[in-house]
C-alpha cells in the first residue's frame, strides 16, 4: 500500500491522472510520529483504490515498462468493520498519550475500548 501511494505521488503523470479522477484524495503516507497516520494511509488507499486500478488499466501501454514487478493493486481492501476497529484503537491511543491523564483515566479508556469491540 505504501509503495503504491509513493509511486503515484512520485510520478508526475500518475499524480495528474489521479487528481483528474472523481472522489479521490491525496495519498497519505504513514509517519513514525503520528499514531493515526497508518489509519489515514489505509483510508486514502481505500478511497483511491478503484481510481488506481482504472488508471493502470487505461494507461497500461504507457506504464507497463515502468511499473515495478511487485506493483499490485488487486487484492482485498480493509472492510468497514475492521476500519472502524482501527479507528477506535487509534483514538484510544491518542487519548492515552495525553500528559494530563491519570492511571484511572487510562483504565477508563481501555475499558471503553474493550466494550466498543
PDB file of N, CA and C in Angstrom:
ATOM      1  N   UNK A   1       0.827  -1.183   0.000  1.00  0.00           N
ATOM      2  CA  UNK A   1       0.000   0.000   0.000  1.00  0.00           C
ATOM      3  C   UNK A   1       0.882   1.262   0.000  1.00  0.00           C
ATOM      4  N   UNK A   2       1.911   1.279   0.845  1.00  0.00           N
ATOM      5  CA  UNK A   2       2.799   2.440   0.888  1.00  0.00           C
ATOM      6  C   UNK A   2       3.522   2.624  -0.436  1.00  0.00           C
ATOM      7  N   UNK A   3       3.944   1.499  -1.036  1.00  0.00           N
ATOM      8  CA  UNK A   3       4.644   1.577  -2.316  1.00  0.00           C
ATOM      9  C   UNK A   3       3.743   2.162  -3.398  1.00  0.00           C
ATOM     10  N   UNK A   4       2.494   1.794  -3.375  1.00  0.00           N
ATOM     11  CA  UNK A   4       1.554   2.307  -4.374  1.00  0.00           C
ATOM     12  C   UNK A   4       1.345   3.795  -4.172  1.00  0.00           C
ATOM     13  N   UNK A   5       1.131   4.214  -2.934  1.00  0.00           N
ATOM     14  CA  UNK A   5       0.991   5.641  -2.636  1.00  0.00           C
ATOM     15  C   UNK A   5       2.231   6.404  -3.112  1.00  0.00           C
ATOM     16  N   UNK A   6       3.413   5.905  -2.751  1.00  0.00           N
ATOM     17  CA  UNK A   6       4.655   6.571  -3.138  1.00  0.00           C
ATOM     18  C   UNK A   6       4.784   6.658  -4.657  1.00  0.00           C
ATOM     19  N   UNK A   7       4.434   5.576  -5.322  1.00  0.00           N
ATOM     20  CA  UNK A   7       4.569   5.551  -6.776  1.00  0.00           C
ATOM     21  C   UNK A   7       3.689   6.608  -7.424  1.00  0.00           C
ATOM     22  N   UNK A   8       2.461   6.718  -6.954  1.00  0.00           N
ATOM     23  CA  UNK A   8       1.550   7.720  -7.521  1.00  0.00           C
ATOM     24  C   UNK A   8       1.969   9.142  -7.134  1.00  0.00           C
ATOM     25  N   UNK A   9       2.523   9.315  -5.952  1.00  0.00           N
ATOM     26  CA  UNK A   9       2.976  10.644  -5.531  1.00  0.00           C
ATOM     27  C   UNK A   9       4.238  11.087  -6.267  1.00  0.00           C
ATOM     28  N   UNK A  10       5.112  10.136  -6.580  1.00  0.00           N
ATOM     29  CA  UNK A  10       6.417  10.469  -7.149  1.00  0.00           C
ATOM     30  C   UNK A  10       6.472  10.469  -8.676  1.00  0.00           C
ATOM     31  N   UNK A  11       5.394  10.118  -9.335  1.00  0.00           N
ATOM     32  CA  UNK A  11       5.369  10.120 -10.795  1.00  0.00           C
ATOM     33  C   UNK A  11       4.324  11.124 -11.268  1.00  0.00           C
ATOM     34  N   UNK A  12       4.822  12.133 -11.933  1.00  0.00           N
ATOM     35  CA  UNK A  12       4.000  13.290 -12.297  1.00  0.00           C
ATOM     36  C   UNK A  12       2.737  12.902 -13.067  1.00  0.00           C
ATOM     37  N   UNK A  13       2.871  12.088 -14.106  1.00  0.00           N
ATOM     38  CA  UNK A  13       1.701  11.721 -14.920  1.00  0.00           C
ATOM     39  C   UNK A  13       0.651  11.003 -14.078  1.00  0.00           C
ATOM     40  N   UNK A  14       1.095  10.072 -13.281  1.00  0.00           N
ATOM     41  CA  UNK A  14       0.159   9.318 -12.438  1.00  0.00           C
ATOM     42  C   UNK A  14      -0.544  10.235 -11.449  1.00  0.00           C
ATOM     43  N   UNK A  15       0.193  11.146 -10.885  1.00  0.00           N
ATOM     44  CA  UNK A  15      -0.380  12.079  -9.921  1.00  0.00           C
ATOM     45  C   UNK A  15      -1.426  12.968 -10.594  1.00  0.00           C
ATOM     46  N   UNK A  16      -1.141  13.432 -11.798  1.00  0.00           N
ATOM     47  CA  UNK A  16      -2.104  14.252 -12.549  1.00  0.00           C
ATOM     48  C   UNK A  16      -3.353  13.429 -12.863  1.00  0.00           C
ATOM     49  N   UNK A  17      -3.165  12.209 -13.354  1.00  0.00           N
ATOM     50  CA  UNK A  17      -4.311  11.353 -13.683  1.00  0.00           C
ATOM     51  C   UNK A  17      -5.155  11.082 -12.441  1.00  0.00           C
ATOM     52  N   UNK A  18      -4.496  10.900 -11.318  1.00  0.00           N
ATOM     53  CA  UNK A  18      -5.230  10.649 -10.072  1.00  0.00           C
ATOM     54  C   UNK A  18      -6.069  11.863  -9.673  1.00  0.00           C
ATOM     55  N   UNK A  19      -5.507  13.057  -9.792  1.00  0.00           N
ATOM     56  CA  UNK A  19      -6.260  14.253  -9.420  1.00  0.00           C
ATOM     57  C   UNK A  19      -7.435  14.507 -10.356  1.00  0.00           C
ATOM     58  N   UNK A  20      -7.359  13.980 -11.563  1.00  0.00           N
ATOM     59  CA  UNK A  20      -8.460  14.139 -12.517  1.00  0.00           C
ATOM     60  C   UNK A  20      -9.614  13.171 -12.256  1.00  0.00           C
ATOM     61  N   UNK A  21      -9.365  12.139 -11.473  1.00  0.00           N
ATOM     62  CA  UNK A  21     -10.418  11.166 -11.150  1.00  0.00           C
ATOM     63  C   UNK A  21     -11.356  11.750 -10.088  1.00  0.00           C
ATOM     64  N   UNK A  22     -12.654  11.493 -10.248  1.00  0.00           N
ATOM     65  CA  UNK A  22     -13.593  11.998  -9.231  1.00  0.00           C
ATOM     66  C   UNK A  22     -13.457  11.217  -7.916  1.00  0.00           C
ATOM     67  N   UNK A  23     -13.744  11.878  -6.834  1.00  0.00           N
ATOM     68  CA  UNK A  23     -13.783  11.266  -5.499  1.00  0.00           C
ATOM     69  C   UNK A  23     -12.462  10.668  -5.042  1.00  0.00           C
ATOM     70  N   UNK A  24     -11.347  11.228  -5.493  1.00  0.00           N
ATOM     71  CA  UNK A  24     -10.062  10.758  -4.979  1.00  0.00           C
ATOM     72  C   UNK A  24      -9.514  11.781  -3.997  1.00  0.00           C
ATOM     73  N   UNK A  25      -8.605  11.318  -3.171  1.00  0.00           N
ATOM     74  CA  UNK A  25      -7.936  12.184  -2.205  1.00  0.00           C
ATOM     75  C   UNK A  25      -6.433  12.034  -2.380  1.00  0.00           C
ATOM     76  N   UNK A  26      -5.691  12.997  -1.882  1.00  0.00           N
ATOM     77  CA  UNK A  26      -4.243  12.920  -1.983  1.00  0.00           C
ATOM     78  C   UNK A  26      -3.752  11.743  -1.144  1.00  0.00           C
ATOM     79  N   UNK A  27      -2.931  10.861  -1.715  1.00  0.00           N
ATOM     80  CA  UNK A  27      -2.402   9.731  -0.938  1.00  0.00           C
ATOM     81  C   UNK A  27      -1.595  10.223   0.258  1.00  0.00           C
ATOM     82  N   UNK A  28      -1.801   9.599   1.389  1.00  0.00           N
ATOM     83  CA  UNK A  28      -1.095   9.966   2.614  1.00  0.00           C
ATOM     84  C   UNK A  28      -0.193   8.817   3.038  1.00  0.00           C
ATOM     85  N   UNK A  29       1.046   9.134   3.324  1.00  0.00           N
ATOM     86  CA  UNK A  29       1.997   8.127   3.790  1.00  0.00           C
ATOM     87  C   UNK A  29       2.081   8.168   5.308  1.00  0.00           C
ATOM     88  N   UNK A  30       2.267   7.023   5.948  1.00  0.00           N
ATOM     89  CA  UNK A  30       2.374   6.999   7.408  1.00  0.00           C
ATOM     90  C   UNK A  30       3.695   7.597   7.874  1.00  0.00           C
ATOM     91  N   UNK A  31       3.676   8.176   9.062  1.00  0.00           N
ATOM     92  CA  UNK A  31       4.888   8.707   9.672  1.00  0.00           C
ATOM     93  C   UNK A  31       5.075   8.059  11.039  1.00  0.00           C
ATOM     94  N   UNK A  32       6.291   8.052  11.507  1.00  0.00           N
ATOM     95  CA  UNK A  32       6.576   7.411  12.793  1.00  0.00           C
ATOM     96  C   UNK A  32       6.044   8.208  13.974  1.00  0.00           C
ATOM     97  N   UNK A  33       5.832   9.480  13.798  1.00  0.00           N
ATOM     98  CA  UNK A  33       5.460  10.332  14.933  1.00  0.00           C
ATOM     99  C   UNK A  33       3.958  10.494  15.117  1.00  0.00           C
ATOM    100  N   UNK A  34       3.171   9.943  14.256  1.00  0.00           N
ATOM    101  CA  UNK A  34       1.717  10.095  14.344  1.00  0.00           C
ATOM    102  C   UNK A  34       1.044   8.717  14.371  1.00  0.00           C
ATOM    103  N   UNK A  35       0.290   8.449  15.438  1.00  0.00           N
ATOM    104  CA  UNK A  35      -0.413   7.173  15.551  1.00  0.00           C
ATOM    105  C   UNK A  35      -1.428   6.981  14.444  1.00  0.00           C
ATOM    106  N   UNK A  36      -2.139   8.035  14.127  1.00  0.00           N
ATOM    107  CA  UNK A  36      -3.231   7.901  13.163  1.00  0.00           C
ATOM    108  C   UNK A  36      -2.775   7.930  11.708  1.00  0.00           C
ATOM    109  N   UNK A  37      -1.498   8.120  11.458  1.00  0.00           N
ATOM    110  CA  UNK A  37      -1.052   8.196  10.073  1.00  0.00           C
ATOM    111  C   UNK A  37      -1.219   6.860   9.344  1.00  0.00           C
ATOM    112  N   UNK A  38      -1.066   5.736  10.040  1.00  0.00           N
ATOM    113  CA  UNK A  38      -1.318   4.427   9.420  1.00  0.00           C
ATOM    114  C   UNK A  38      -2.784   4.310   9.027  1.00  0.00           C
ATOM    115  N   UNK A  39      -3.649   4.770   9.911  1.00  0.00           N
ATOM    116  CA  UNK A  39      -5.084   4.745   9.649  1.00  0.00           C
ATOM    117  C   UNK A  39      -5.427   5.628   8.453  1.00  0.00           C
ATOM    118  N   UNK A  40      -4.837   6.799   8.392  1.00  0.00           N
ATOM    119  CA  UNK A  40      -5.071   7.709   7.270  1.00  0.00           C
ATOM    120  C   UNK A  40      -4.550   7.105   5.972  1.00  0.00           C
ATOM    121  N   UNK A  41      -3.415   6.433   6.028  1.00  0.00           N
ATOM    122  CA  UNK A  41      -2.861   5.764   4.850  1.00  0.00           C
ATOM    123  C   UNK A  41      -3.834   4.706   4.331  1.00  0.00           C
ATOM    124  N   UNK A  42      -4.378   3.897   5.219  1.00  0.00           N
ATOM    125  CA  UNK A  42      -5.345   2.869   4.827  1.00  0.00           C
ATOM    126  C   UNK A  42      -6.606   3.509   4.265  1.00  0.00           C
ATOM    127  N   UNK A  43      -7.065   4.562   4.909  1.00  0.00           N
ATOM    128  CA  UNK A  43      -8.278   5.252   4.466  1.00  0.00           C
ATOM    129  C   UNK A  43      -8.110   5.833   3.065  1.00  0.00           C
ATOM    130  N   UNK A  44      -6.989   6.523   2.820  1.00  0.00           N
ATOM    131  CA  UNK A  44      -6.793   7.117   1.493  1.00  0.00           C
ATOM    132  C   UNK A  44      -6.590   6.042   0.437  1.00  0.00           C
ATOM    133  N   UNK A  45      -5.950   4.934   0.803  1.00  0.00           N
ATOM    134  CA  UNK A  45      -5.803   3.837  -0.157  1.00  0.00           C
ATOM    135  C   UNK A  45      -7.167   3.261  -0.524  1.00  0.00           C
ATOM    136  N   UNK A  46      -8.023   3.049   0.473  1.00  0.00           N
ATOM    137  CA  UNK A  46      -9.359   2.508   0.214  1.00  0.00           C
ATOM    138  C   UNK A  46     -10.171   3.445  -0.679  1.00  0.00           C
ATOM    139  N   UNK A  47     -10.047   4.747  -0.441  1.00  0.00           N
ATOM    140  CA  UNK A  47     -10.788   5.717  -1.251  1.00  0.00           C
ATOM    141  C   UNK A  47     -10.268   5.787  -2.683  1.00  0.00           C
ATOM    142  N   UNK A  48      -8.962   5.603  -2.863  1.00  0.00           N
ATOM    143  CA  UNK A  48      -8.349   5.752  -4.184  1.00  0.00           C
ATOM    144  C   UNK A  48      -8.171   4.447  -4.950  1.00  0.00           C
ATOM    145  N   UNK A  49      -8.422   3.332  -4.324  1.00  0.00           N
ATOM    146  CA  UNK A  49      -8.121   2.029  -4.920  1.00  0.00           C
ATOM    147  C   UNK A  49      -8.729   1.855  -6.303  1.00  0.00           C
ATOM    148  N   UNK A  50     -10.005   2.147  -6.454  1.00  0.00           N
ATOM    149  CA  UNK A  50     -10.636   1.957  -7.765  1.00  0.00           C
ATOM    150  C   UNK A  50     -10.034   2.898  -8.804  1.00  0.00           C
ATOM    151  N   UNK A  51      -9.677   4.105  -8.399  1.00  0.00           N
ATOM    152  CA  UNK A  51      -9.036   5.038  -9.327  1.00  0.00           C
ATOM    153  C   UNK A  51      -7.641   4.549  -9.716  1.00  0.00           C
ATOM    154  N   UNK A  52      -6.894   4.015  -8.749  1.00  0.00           N
ATOM    155  CA  UNK A  52      -5.579   3.450  -9.064  1.00  0.00           C
ATOM    156  C   UNK A  52      -5.731   2.361 -10.129  1.00  0.00           C
ATOM    157  N   UNK A  53      -6.691   1.485  -9.918  1.00  0.00           N
ATOM    158  CA  UNK A  53      -6.895   0.377 -10.847  1.00  0.00           C
ATOM    159  C   UNK A  53      -7.317   0.881 -12.228  1.00  0.00           C
ATOM    160  N   UNK A  54      -8.210   1.862 -12.259  1.00  0.00           N
ATOM    161  CA  UNK A  54      -8.649   2.422 -13.540  1.00  0.00           C
ATOM    162  C   UNK A  54      -7.496   3.078 -14.289  1.00  0.00           C
ATOM    163  N   UNK A  55      -6.674   3.818 -13.592  1.00  0.00           N
ATOM    164  CA  UNK A  55      -5.538   4.496 -14.215  1.00  0.00           C
ATOM    165  C   UNK A  55      -4.574   3.483 -14.809  1.00  0.00           C
ATOM    166  N   UNK A  56      -4.239   2.465 -14.032  1.00  0.00           N
ATOM    167  CA  UNK A  56      -3.314   1.443 -14.523  1.00  0.00           C
ATOM    168  C   UNK A  56      -3.924   0.724 -15.725  1.00  0.00           C
ATOM    169  N   UNK A  57      -5.204   0.436 -15.667  1.00  0.00           N
ATOM    170  CA  UNK A  57      -5.871  -0.246 -16.783  1.00  0.00           C
ATOM    171  C   UNK A  57      -5.930   0.645 -18.036  1.00  0.00           C
ATOM    172  N   UNK A  58      -6.317   1.905 -17.867  1.00  0.00           N
ATOM    173  CA  UNK A  58      -6.465   2.816 -19.004  1.00  0.00           C
ATOM    174  C   UNK A  58      -5.131   3.179 -19.649  1.00  0.00           C
ATOM    175  N   UNK A  59      -4.074   3.225 -18.858  1.00  0.00           N
ATOM    176  CA  UNK A  59      -2.770   3.659 -19.362  1.00  0.00           C
ATOM    177  C   UNK A  59      -1.750   2.519 -19.326  1.00  0.00           C
ATOM    178  N   UNK A  60      -2.233   1.310 -19.467  1.00  0.00           N
ATOM    179  CA  UNK A  60      -1.372   0.137 -19.351  1.00  0.00           C
ATOM    180  C   UNK A  60      -0.191   0.187 -20.320  1.00  0.00           C
ATOM    181  N   UNK A  61      -0.449   0.557 -21.571  1.00  0.00           N
ATOM    182  CA  UNK A  61       0.626   0.595 -22.563  1.00  0.00           C
ATOM    183  C   UNK A  61       1.709   1.603 -22.194  1.00  0.00           C
ATOM    184  N   UNK A  62       1.305   2.712 -21.637  1.00  0.00           N
ATOM    185  CA  UNK A  62       2.253   3.756 -21.253  1.00  0.00           C
ATOM    186  C   UNK A  62       3.019   3.388 -19.985  1.00  0.00           C
ATOM    187  N   UNK A  63       2.423   2.575 -19.122  1.00  0.00           N
ATOM    188  CA  UNK A  63       3.004   2.284 -17.814  1.00  0.00           C
ATOM    189  C   UNK A  63       3.706   0.937 -17.708  1.00  0.00           C
ATOM    190  N   UNK A  64       3.387   0.007 -18.582  1.00  0.00           N
ATOM    191  CA  UNK A  64       3.819  -1.381 -18.398  1.00  0.00           C
ATOM    192  C   UNK A  64       5.330  -1.527 -18.204  1.00  0.00           C
ATOM    193  N   UNK A  65       6.117  -0.744 -18.895  1.00  0.00           N
ATOM    194  CA  UNK A  65       7.571  -0.878 -18.763  1.00  0.00           C
ATOM    195  C   UNK A  65       8.097  -0.191 -17.508  1.00  0.00           C
ATOM    196  N   UNK A  66       7.313   0.688 -16.916  1.00  0.00           N
ATOM    197  CA  UNK A  66       7.785   1.466 -15.770  1.00  0.00           C
ATOM    198  C   UNK A  66       7.327   0.917 -14.420  1.00  0.00           C
ATOM    199  N   UNK A  67       6.279   0.127 -14.417  1.00  0.00           N
ATOM    200  CA  UNK A  67       5.751  -0.367 -13.143  1.00  0.00           C
ATOM    201  C   UNK A  67       6.668  -1.432 -12.558  1.00  0.00           C
ATOM    202  N   UNK A  68       6.976  -1.326 -11.281  1.00  0.00           N
ATOM    203  CA  UNK A  68       7.777  -2.371 -10.643  1.00  0.00           C
ATOM    204  C   UNK A  68       7.027  -3.704 -10.668  1.00  0.00           C
ATOM    205  N   UNK A  69       7.765  -4.797 -10.713  1.00  0.00           N
ATOM    206  CA  UNK A  69       7.162  -6.127 -10.773  1.00  0.00           C
ATOM    207  C   UNK A  69       6.258  -6.439  -9.602  1.00  0.00           C
ATOM    208  N   UNK A  70       6.554  -5.884  -8.439  1.00  0.00           N
ATOM    209  CA  UNK A  70       5.749  -6.181  -7.244  1.00  0.00           C
ATOM    210  C   UNK A  70       4.572  -5.221  -7.086  1.00  0.00           C
ATOM    211  N   UNK A  71       4.347  -4.373  -8.070  1.00  0.00           N
ATOM    212  CA  UNK A  71       3.277  -3.381  -8.016  1.00  0.00           C
ATOM    213  C   UNK A  71       1.948  -4.074  -8.284  1.00  0.00           C
ATOM    214  N   UNK A  72       1.158  -4.268  -7.241  1.00  0.00           N
ATOM    215  CA  UNK A  72      -0.129  -4.928  -7.363  1.00  0.00           C
ATOM    216  C   UNK A  72      -1.175  -4.114  -6.607  1.00  0.00           C
ATOM    217  N   UNK A  73      -2.291  -3.855  -7.281  1.00  0.00           N
ATOM    218  CA  UNK A  73      -3.364  -3.116  -6.628  1.00  0.00           C
ATOM    219  C   UNK A  73      -4.515  -4.056  -6.313  1.00  0.00           C
ATOM    220  N   UNK A  74      -4.560  -5.178  -6.975  1.00  0.00           N
ATOM    221  CA  UNK A  74      -5.644  -6.111  -6.717  1.00  0.00           C
ATOM    222  C   UNK A  74      -5.487  -6.673  -5.315  1.00  0.00           C
ATOM    223  N   UNK A  75      -6.497  -7.347  -4.860  1.00  0.00           N
ATOM    224  CA  UNK A  75      -6.458  -7.903  -3.518  1.00  0.00           C
ATOM    225  C   UNK A  75      -7.530  -7.276  -2.667  1.00  0.00           C
ATOM    226  N   UNK A  76      -7.591  -7.729  -1.445  1.00  0.00           N
ATOM    227  CA  UNK A  76      -8.671  -7.272  -0.581  1.00  0.00           C
ATOM    228  C   UNK A  76      -8.401  -5.881  -0.043  1.00  0.00           C
ATOM    229  N   UNK A  77      -9.463  -5.184   0.232  1.00  0.00           N
ATOM    230  CA  UNK A  77      -9.366  -3.888   0.881  1.00  0.00           C
ATOM    231  C   UNK A  77      -9.828  -4.061   2.318  1.00  0.00           C
ATOM    232  N   UNK A  78      -9.576  -3.084   3.119  1.00  0.00           N
ATOM    233  CA  UNK A  78      -9.972  -3.155   4.527  1.00  0.00           C
ATOM    234  C   UNK A  78     -11.488  -3.031   4.618  1.00  0.00           C
ATOM    235  N   UNK A  79     -12.093  -3.970   5.304  1.00  0.00           N
ATOM    236  CA  UNK A  79     -13.538  -3.956   5.471  1.00  0.00           C
ATOM    237  C   UNK A  79     -13.952  -2.838   6.425  1.00  0.00           C
ATOM    238  N   UNK A  80     -15.147  -2.288   6.240  1.00  0.00           N
ATOM    239  CA  UNK A  80     -15.589  -1.178   7.096  1.00  0.00           C
ATOM    240  C   UNK A  80     -15.545  -1.495   8.590  1.00  0.00           C
ATOM    241  N   UNK A  81     -15.876  -2.737   8.969  1.00  0.00           N
ATOM    242  CA  UNK A  81     -15.861  -3.097  10.396  1.00  0.00           C
ATOM    243  C   UNK A  81     -14.435  -3.046  10.939  1.00  0.00           C
ATOM    244  N   UNK A  82     -13.484  -3.559  10.153  1.00  0.00           N
ATOM    245  CA  UNK A  82     -12.090  -3.556  10.567  1.00  0.00           C
ATOM    246  C   UNK A  82     -11.578  -2.133  10.667  1.00  0.00           C
ATOM    247  N   UNK A  83     -11.958  -1.304   9.700  1.00  0.00           N
ATOM    248  CA  UNK A  83     -11.527   0.090   9.715  1.00  0.00           C
ATOM    249  C   UNK A  83     -12.086   0.819  10.934  1.00  0.00           C
ATOM    250  N   UNK A  84     -13.322   0.528  11.296  1.00  0.00           N
ATOM    251  CA  UNK A  84     -13.930   1.146  12.482  1.00  0.00           C
ATOM    252  C   UNK A  84     -13.174   0.727  13.745  1.00  0.00           C
ATOM    253  N   UNK A  85     -12.767  -0.534  13.822  1.00  0.00           N
ATOM    254  CA  UNK A  85     -11.997  -1.001  14.966  1.00  0.00           C
ATOM    255  C   UNK A  85     -10.634  -0.308  15.024  1.00  0.00           C
ATOM    256  N   UNK A  86      -9.991  -0.187  13.870  1.00  0.00           N
ATOM    257  CA  UNK A  86      -8.700   0.503  13.820  1.00  0.00           C
ATOM    258  C   UNK A  86      -8.835   1.948  14.268  1.00  0.00           C
ATOM    259  N   UNK A  87      -9.908   2.598  13.831  1.00  0.00           N
ATOM    260  CA  UNK A  87     -10.141   3.999  14.217  1.00  0.00           C
ATOM    261  C   UNK A  87     -10.338   4.101  15.737  1.00  0.00           C
ATOM    262  N   UNK A  88     -11.090   3.166  16.336  1.00  0.00           N
ATOM    263  CA  UNK A  88     -11.297   3.180  17.789  1.00  0.00           C
ATOM    264  C   UNK A  88      -9.983   3.025  18.542  1.00  0.00           C
ATOM    265  N   UNK A  89      -9.138   2.138  18.052  1.00  0.00           N
ATOM    266  CA  UNK A  89      -7.840   1.914  18.698  1.00  0.00           C
ATOM    267  C   UNK A  89      -6.963   3.155  18.556  1.00  0.00           C
ATOM    268  N   UNK A  90      -6.940   3.738  17.364  1.00  0.00           N
ATOM    269  CA  UNK A  90      -6.137   4.949  17.147  1.00  0.00           C
ATOM    270  C   UNK A  90      -6.625   6.095  18.025  1.00  0.00           C
ATOM    271  N   UNK A  91      -7.941   6.242  18.151  1.00  0.00           N
ATOM    272  CA  UNK A  91      -8.494   7.287  19.026  1.00  0.00           C
ATOM    273  C   UNK A  91      -8.097   7.049  20.489  1.00  0.00           C
ATOM    274  N   UNK A  92      -8.159   5.788  20.913  1.00  0.00           N
ATOM    275  CA  UNK A  92      -7.776   5.456  22.293  1.00  0.00           C
ATOM    276  C   UNK A  92      -6.295   5.756  22.524  1.00  0.00           C
ATOM    277  N   UNK A  93      -5.450   5.440  21.560  1.00  0.00           N
ATOM    278  CA  UNK A  93      -4.025   5.740  21.698  1.00  0.00           C
ATOM    279  C   UNK A  93      -3.780   7.240  21.780  1.00  0.00           C
ATOM    280  N   UNK A  94      -4.507   7.999  20.975  1.00  0.00           N
ATOM    281  CA  UNK A  94      -4.390   9.458  21.041  1.00  0.00           C
ATOM    282  C   UNK A  94      -4.747   9.983  22.427  1.00  0.00           C
ATOM    283  N   UNK A  95      -5.848   9.480  22.968  1.00  0.00           N
ATOM    284  CA  UNK A  95      -6.276   9.921  24.302  1.00  0.00           C
ATOM    285  C   UNK A  95      -5.268   9.498  25.366  1.00  0.00           C
ATOM    286  N   UNK A  96      -4.726   8.289  25.238  1.00  0.00           N
ATOM    287  CA  UNK A  96      -3.802   7.758  26.238  1.00  0.00           C
ATOM    288  C   UNK A  96      -2.481   8.522  26.264  1.00  0.00           C
ATOM    289  N   UNK A  97      -2.125   9.163  25.163  1.00  0.00           N
ATOM    290  CA  UNK A  97      -0.859   9.901  25.102  1.00  0.00           C
ATOM    291  C   UNK A  97      -0.905  11.244  25.823  1.00  0.00           C
ATOM    292  N   UNK A  98      -2.074  11.673  26.219  1.00  0.00           N
ATOM    293  CA  UNK A  98      -2.221  12.971  26.874  1.00  0.00           C
ATOM    294  C   UNK A  98      -1.445  12.975  28.196  1.00  0.00           C
ATOM    295  N   UNK A  99      -0.621  13.965  28.382  1.00  0.00           N
ATOM    296  CA  UNK A  99       0.218  14.048  29.587  1.00  0.00           C
ATOM    297  C   UNK A  99      -0.578  14.221  30.875  1.00  0.00           C
ATOM    298  N   UNK A 100      -1.786  14.762  30.768  1.00  0.00           N
ATOM    299  CA  UNK A 100      -2.551  15.049  31.981  1.00  0.00           C
ATOM    300  C   UNK A 100      -3.410  13.859  32.447  1.00  0.00           C
ATOM    301  N   UNK A 101      -3.379  12.736  31.728  1.00  0.00           N
ATOM    302  CA  UNK A 101      -4.192  11.586  32.124  1.00  0.00           C
ATOM    303  C   UNK A 101      -3.571  10.840  33.308  1.00  0.00           C
ATOM    304  N   UNK A 102      -4.446  10.380  34.185  1.00  0.00           N
ATOM    305  CA  UNK A 102      -4.012   9.565  35.321  1.00  0.00           C
ATOM    306  C   UNK A 102      -4.178   8.094  34.942  1.00  0.00           C
ATOM    307  N   UNK A 103      -3.733   7.220  35.816  1.00  0.00           N
ATOM    308  CA  UNK A 103      -3.907   5.782  35.595  1.00  0.00           C
ATOM    309  C   UNK A 103      -5.395   5.447  35.520  1.00  0.00           C
ATOM    310  N   UNK A 104      -6.181   6.118  36.328  1.00  0.00           N
ATOM    311  CA  UNK A 104      -7.630   5.914  36.306  1.00  0.00           C
ATOM    312  C   UNK A 104      -8.202   6.259  34.921  1.00  0.00           C
ATOM    313  N   UNK A 105      -7.754   7.380  34.359  1.00  0.00           N
ATOM    314  CA  UNK A 105      -8.222   7.781  33.033  1.00  0.00           C
ATOM    315  C   UNK A 105      -7.845   6.735  31.980  1.00  0.00           C
ATOM    316  N   UNK A 106      -6.617   6.235  32.074  1.00  0.00           N
ATOM    317  CA  UNK A 106      -6.155   5.232  31.121  1.00  0.00           C
ATOM    318  C   UNK A 106      -6.950   3.937  31.232  1.00  0.00           C
ATOM    319  N   UNK A 107      -7.273   3.530  32.450  1.00  0.00           N
ATOM    320  CA  UNK A 107      -8.106   2.333  32.641  1.00  0.00           C
ATOM    321  C   UNK A 107      -9.485   2.544  32.042  1.00  0.00           C
ATOM    322  N   UNK A 108     -10.044   3.728  32.220  1.00  0.00           N
ATOM    323  CA  UNK A 108     -11.356   4.038  31.647  1.00  0.00           C
ATOM    324  C   UNK A 108     -11.294   3.982  30.114  1.00  0.00           C
ATOM    325  N   UNK A 109     -10.245   4.534  29.529  1.00  0.00           N
ATOM    326  CA  UNK A 109     -10.077   4.498  28.061  1.00  0.00           C
ATOM    327  C   UNK A 109     -10.005   3.045  27.591  1.00  0.00           C
ATOM    328  N   UNK A 110      -9.216   2.226  28.286  1.00  0.00           N
ATOM    329  CA  UNK A 110      -9.046   0.824  27.915  1.00  0.00           C
ATOM    330  C   UNK A 110     -10.368   0.058  28.031  1.00  0.00           C
ATOM    331  N   UNK A 111     -11.096   0.251  29.138  1.00  0.00           N
ATOM    332  CA  UNK A 111     -12.363  -0.457  29.323  1.00  0.00           C
ATOM    333  C   UNK A 111     -13.398  -0.023  28.288  1.00  0.00           C
ATOM    334  N   UNK A 112     -13.423   1.256  27.965  1.00  0.00           N
ATOM    335  CA  UNK A 112     -14.349   1.749  26.937  1.00  0.00           C
ATOM    336  C   UNK A 112     -14.018   1.122  25.593  1.00  0.00           C
ATOM    337  N   UNK A 113     -12.733   1.007  25.292  1.00  0.00           N
ATOM    338  CA  UNK A 113     -12.311   0.394  24.036  1.00  0.00           C
ATOM    339  C   UNK A 113     -12.740  -1.079  23.991  1.00  0.00           C
ATOM    340  N   UNK A 114     -12.576  -1.787  25.093  1.00  0.00           N
ATOM    341  CA  UNK A 114     -12.988  -3.191  25.155  1.00  0.00           C
ATOM    342  C   UNK A 114     -14.499  -3.337  24.959  1.00  0.00           C
ATOM    343  N   UNK A 115     -15.277  -2.463  25.544  1.00  0.00           N
ATOM    344  CA  UNK A 115     -16.727  -2.531  25.420  1.00  0.00           C
ATOM    345  C   UNK A 115     -17.182  -2.241  23.992  1.00  0.00           C
ATOM    346  N   UNK A 116     -16.476  -1.341  23.316  1.00  0.00           N
ATOM    347  CA  UNK A 116     -16.833  -0.986  21.937  1.00  0.00           C
ATOM    348  C   UNK A 116     -16.556  -2.109  20.951  1.00  0.00           C
ATOM    349  N   UNK A 117     -15.643  -2.989  21.301  1.00  0.00           N
ATOM    350  CA  UNK A 117     -15.294  -4.084  20.389  1.00  0.00           C
ATOM    351  C   UNK A 117     -16.351  -5.119  20.490  1.00  0.00           C
TER     352      UNK A 117
END
